[in-house]
Amino acid sequence: MTRLCELADMTPQNYYARRSAWRRQEVDVGLVLELARAERGYQPRLGVRKLYHLIGVELKAWAGIGSLKN
C-alpha cells in the first residue's frame, strides 16, 4: 500500500481519507438519483429547477448534500 501511495504522490492517511470521501459521495449520488427517479415517476416532464426545489428539503434532512449543507 505504501508503494502505491508513493506512486500516486499521497500519504496512506490521505488515501484512506479520500477513500471514505469517495464512498460517501457514492451514497450521496445514489440518494439524489433515487429521489429524482421517484419524483419523475409521478411527474415525468418535471424540469431540473423544480425537481431540485421539490427534493431539496429531503436532501437537506438526509445529509446536507450540495449547496443545502447546514
N, C-alpha and C. Protein backbone atom coordinates (compact mmCIF):
# COMPACT_ATOMS: atom_id res chain seq x y z
N MET A 1 0.83 -1.19 0.00
CA MET A 1 0.00 0.00 0.00
C MET A 1 0.87 1.25 0.00
N THR A 2 1.94 1.23 0.76
CA THR A 2 2.81 2.39 0.84
C THR A 2 3.41 2.71 -0.52
N ARG A 3 3.79 1.68 -1.25
CA ARG A 3 4.38 1.90 -2.58
C ARG A 3 3.36 2.54 -3.53
N LEU A 4 2.12 2.08 -3.49
CA LEU A 4 1.09 2.68 -4.32
C LEU A 4 0.85 4.14 -3.97
N CYS A 5 0.87 4.43 -2.69
CA CYS A 5 0.68 5.81 -2.26
C CYS A 5 1.83 6.69 -2.72
N GLU A 6 3.04 6.14 -2.69
CA GLU A 6 4.20 6.90 -3.18
C GLU A 6 4.05 7.18 -4.67
N LEU A 7 3.59 6.20 -5.44
CA LEU A 7 3.41 6.40 -6.87
C LEU A 7 2.34 7.46 -7.16
N ALA A 8 1.31 7.50 -6.33
CA ALA A 8 0.23 8.47 -6.51
C ALA A 8 0.55 9.80 -5.84
N ASP A 9 1.71 9.89 -5.20
CA ASP A 9 2.16 11.11 -4.52
C ASP A 9 1.17 11.53 -3.43
N MET A 10 0.80 10.56 -2.60
CA MET A 10 -0.06 10.86 -1.46
C MET A 10 0.34 9.98 -0.28
N THR A 11 -0.01 10.41 0.91
CA THR A 11 0.29 9.63 2.09
C THR A 11 -0.79 8.57 2.28
N PRO A 12 -0.48 7.48 3.00
CA PRO A 12 -1.53 6.48 3.28
C PRO A 12 -2.73 7.09 4.01
N GLN A 13 -2.46 8.01 4.93
CA GLN A 13 -3.55 8.66 5.65
C GLN A 13 -4.46 9.41 4.68
N ASN A 14 -3.86 10.12 3.74
CA ASN A 14 -4.63 10.85 2.74
C ASN A 14 -5.43 9.88 1.87
N TYR A 15 -4.84 8.76 1.49
CA TYR A 15 -5.53 7.77 0.67
C TYR A 15 -6.79 7.27 1.38
N TYR A 16 -6.66 6.90 2.64
CA TYR A 16 -7.82 6.37 3.36
C TYR A 16 -8.88 7.45 3.59
N ALA A 17 -8.46 8.68 3.80
CA ALA A 17 -9.43 9.77 3.95
C ALA A 17 -10.18 9.98 2.64
N ARG A 18 -9.48 9.97 1.51
CA ARG A 18 -10.12 10.14 0.21
C ARG A 18 -11.04 8.96 -0.09
N ARG A 19 -10.61 7.76 0.29
CA ARG A 19 -11.44 6.58 0.03
C ARG A 19 -12.78 6.68 0.74
N SER A 20 -12.78 7.13 1.98
CA SER A 20 -14.05 7.27 2.70
C SER A 20 -14.88 8.41 2.11
N ALA A 21 -14.23 9.46 1.63
CA ALA A 21 -14.96 10.56 0.98
C ALA A 21 -15.61 10.06 -0.32
N TRP A 22 -14.90 9.24 -1.09
CA TRP A 22 -15.45 8.68 -2.33
C TRP A 22 -16.68 7.83 -2.04
N ARG A 23 -16.60 7.04 -0.99
CA ARG A 23 -17.74 6.19 -0.62
C ARG A 23 -18.94 7.04 -0.22
N ARG A 24 -18.70 8.10 0.57
CA ARG A 24 -19.79 9.00 0.96
C ARG A 24 -20.42 9.64 -0.27
N GLN A 25 -19.58 10.03 -1.22
CA GLN A 25 -20.09 10.67 -2.43
C GLN A 25 -20.95 9.69 -3.23
N GLU A 26 -20.55 8.42 -3.29
CA GLU A 26 -21.35 7.41 -3.99
C GLU A 26 -22.73 7.29 -3.36
N VAL A 27 -22.78 7.31 -2.04
CA VAL A 27 -24.06 7.22 -1.33
C VAL A 27 -24.89 8.45 -1.62
N ASP A 28 -24.27 9.64 -1.61
CA ASP A 28 -24.98 10.88 -1.89
C ASP A 28 -25.57 10.87 -3.30
N VAL A 29 -24.78 10.46 -4.27
CA VAL A 29 -25.25 10.41 -5.66
C VAL A 29 -26.40 9.42 -5.79
N GLY A 30 -26.26 8.27 -5.14
CA GLY A 30 -27.34 7.27 -5.18
C GLY A 30 -28.63 7.79 -4.60
N LEU A 31 -28.53 8.54 -3.51
CA LEU A 31 -29.72 9.10 -2.87
C LEU A 31 -30.39 10.12 -3.78
N VAL A 32 -29.61 11.00 -4.38
CA VAL A 32 -30.17 12.02 -5.28
C VAL A 32 -30.86 11.36 -6.46
N LEU A 33 -30.22 10.36 -7.06
CA LEU A 33 -30.82 9.67 -8.20
C LEU A 33 -32.11 8.97 -7.81
N GLU A 34 -32.12 8.34 -6.65
CA GLU A 34 -33.32 7.64 -6.19
C GLU A 34 -34.49 8.62 -5.98
N LEU A 35 -34.22 9.75 -5.33
CA LEU A 35 -35.26 10.75 -5.11
C LEU A 35 -35.75 11.35 -6.43
N ALA A 36 -34.82 11.63 -7.34
CA ALA A 36 -35.20 12.21 -8.63
C ALA A 36 -36.04 11.24 -9.44
N ARG A 37 -35.66 9.97 -9.46
CA ARG A 37 -36.43 8.97 -10.22
C ARG A 37 -37.83 8.80 -9.64
N ALA A 38 -37.93 8.83 -8.31
CA ALA A 38 -39.24 8.69 -7.68
C ALA A 38 -40.14 9.87 -8.04
N GLU A 39 -39.59 11.07 -7.98
CA GLU A 39 -40.39 12.26 -8.31
C GLU A 39 -40.74 12.28 -9.79
N ARG A 40 -39.81 11.88 -10.64
CA ARG A 40 -40.08 11.86 -12.08
C ARG A 40 -41.08 10.75 -12.43
N GLY A 41 -41.21 9.76 -11.57
CA GLY A 41 -42.23 8.74 -11.79
C GLY A 41 -43.62 9.34 -11.71
N TYR A 42 -43.79 10.32 -10.80
CA TYR A 42 -45.08 10.99 -10.66
C TYR A 42 -45.26 12.11 -11.69
N GLN A 43 -44.16 12.81 -11.99
CA GLN A 43 -44.21 13.96 -12.89
C GLN A 43 -43.08 13.84 -13.92
N PRO A 44 -43.26 13.08 -14.97
CA PRO A 44 -42.18 12.79 -15.91
C PRO A 44 -41.62 14.01 -16.63
N ARG A 45 -42.41 15.05 -16.81
CA ARG A 45 -41.94 16.22 -17.56
C ARG A 45 -41.42 17.33 -16.65
N LEU A 46 -41.14 17.00 -15.42
CA LEU A 46 -40.68 17.97 -14.42
C LEU A 46 -39.27 18.46 -14.77
N GLY A 47 -39.06 19.77 -14.71
CA GLY A 47 -37.76 20.37 -15.02
C GLY A 47 -36.79 20.24 -13.85
N VAL A 48 -35.53 20.52 -14.14
CA VAL A 48 -34.47 20.36 -13.15
C VAL A 48 -34.63 21.32 -11.98
N ARG A 49 -34.96 22.56 -12.25
CA ARG A 49 -35.08 23.54 -11.17
C ARG A 49 -36.21 23.18 -10.21
N LYS A 50 -37.33 22.81 -10.76
CA LYS A 50 -38.46 22.45 -9.90
C LYS A 50 -38.17 21.14 -9.18
N LEU A 51 -37.52 20.21 -9.86
CA LEU A 51 -37.15 18.94 -9.22
C LEU A 51 -36.22 19.19 -8.04
N TYR A 52 -35.23 20.05 -8.24
CA TYR A 52 -34.30 20.39 -7.15
C TYR A 52 -35.05 21.03 -5.99
N HIS A 53 -35.99 21.89 -6.30
CA HIS A 53 -36.78 22.54 -5.26
C HIS A 53 -37.60 21.52 -4.47
N LEU A 54 -38.19 20.56 -5.17
CA LEU A 54 -39.03 19.56 -4.51
C LEU A 54 -38.25 18.57 -3.66
N ILE A 55 -37.10 18.13 -4.15
CA ILE A 55 -36.34 17.13 -3.38
C ILE A 55 -35.29 17.78 -2.47
N GLY A 56 -35.13 19.10 -2.58
CA GLY A 56 -34.13 19.80 -1.78
C GLY A 56 -34.36 19.65 -0.28
N VAL A 57 -35.61 19.66 0.14
CA VAL A 57 -35.94 19.52 1.56
C VAL A 57 -35.49 18.15 2.07
N GLU A 58 -35.76 17.12 1.28
CA GLU A 58 -35.34 15.78 1.67
C GLU A 58 -33.82 15.64 1.70
N LEU A 59 -33.15 16.26 0.73
CA LEU A 59 -31.69 16.20 0.69
C LEU A 59 -31.09 16.87 1.91
N LYS A 60 -31.65 18.00 2.29
CA LYS A 60 -31.14 18.72 3.45
C LYS A 60 -31.36 17.91 4.73
N ALA A 61 -32.50 17.26 4.83
CA ALA A 61 -32.80 16.45 6.01
C ALA A 61 -31.90 15.22 6.09
N TRP A 62 -31.58 14.62 4.93
CA TRP A 62 -30.79 13.39 4.92
C TRP A 62 -29.33 13.63 5.27
N ALA A 63 -28.67 14.50 4.50
CA ALA A 63 -27.24 14.58 4.68
C ALA A 63 -26.64 15.95 4.43
N GLY A 64 -27.44 16.93 4.18
CA GLY A 64 -26.89 18.23 3.85
C GLY A 64 -26.07 18.18 2.57
N ILE A 65 -26.66 17.69 1.51
CA ILE A 65 -25.96 17.49 0.25
C ILE A 65 -25.96 18.76 -0.58
N GLY A 66 -24.87 19.00 -1.26
CA GLY A 66 -24.77 20.11 -2.20
C GLY A 66 -24.78 21.45 -1.51
N SER A 67 -25.41 22.42 -2.13
CA SER A 67 -25.41 23.77 -1.57
C SER A 67 -26.41 23.90 -0.42
N LEU A 68 -27.10 22.82 -0.07
CA LEU A 68 -28.07 22.85 1.01
C LEU A 68 -27.47 22.41 2.34
N LYS A 69 -26.14 22.39 2.44
CA LYS A 69 -25.50 21.95 3.69
C LYS A 69 -25.86 22.86 4.83
N ASN A 70 -25.96 22.27 6.00
CA ASN A 70 -26.31 23.04 7.21
C ASN A 70 -25.17 23.90 7.65
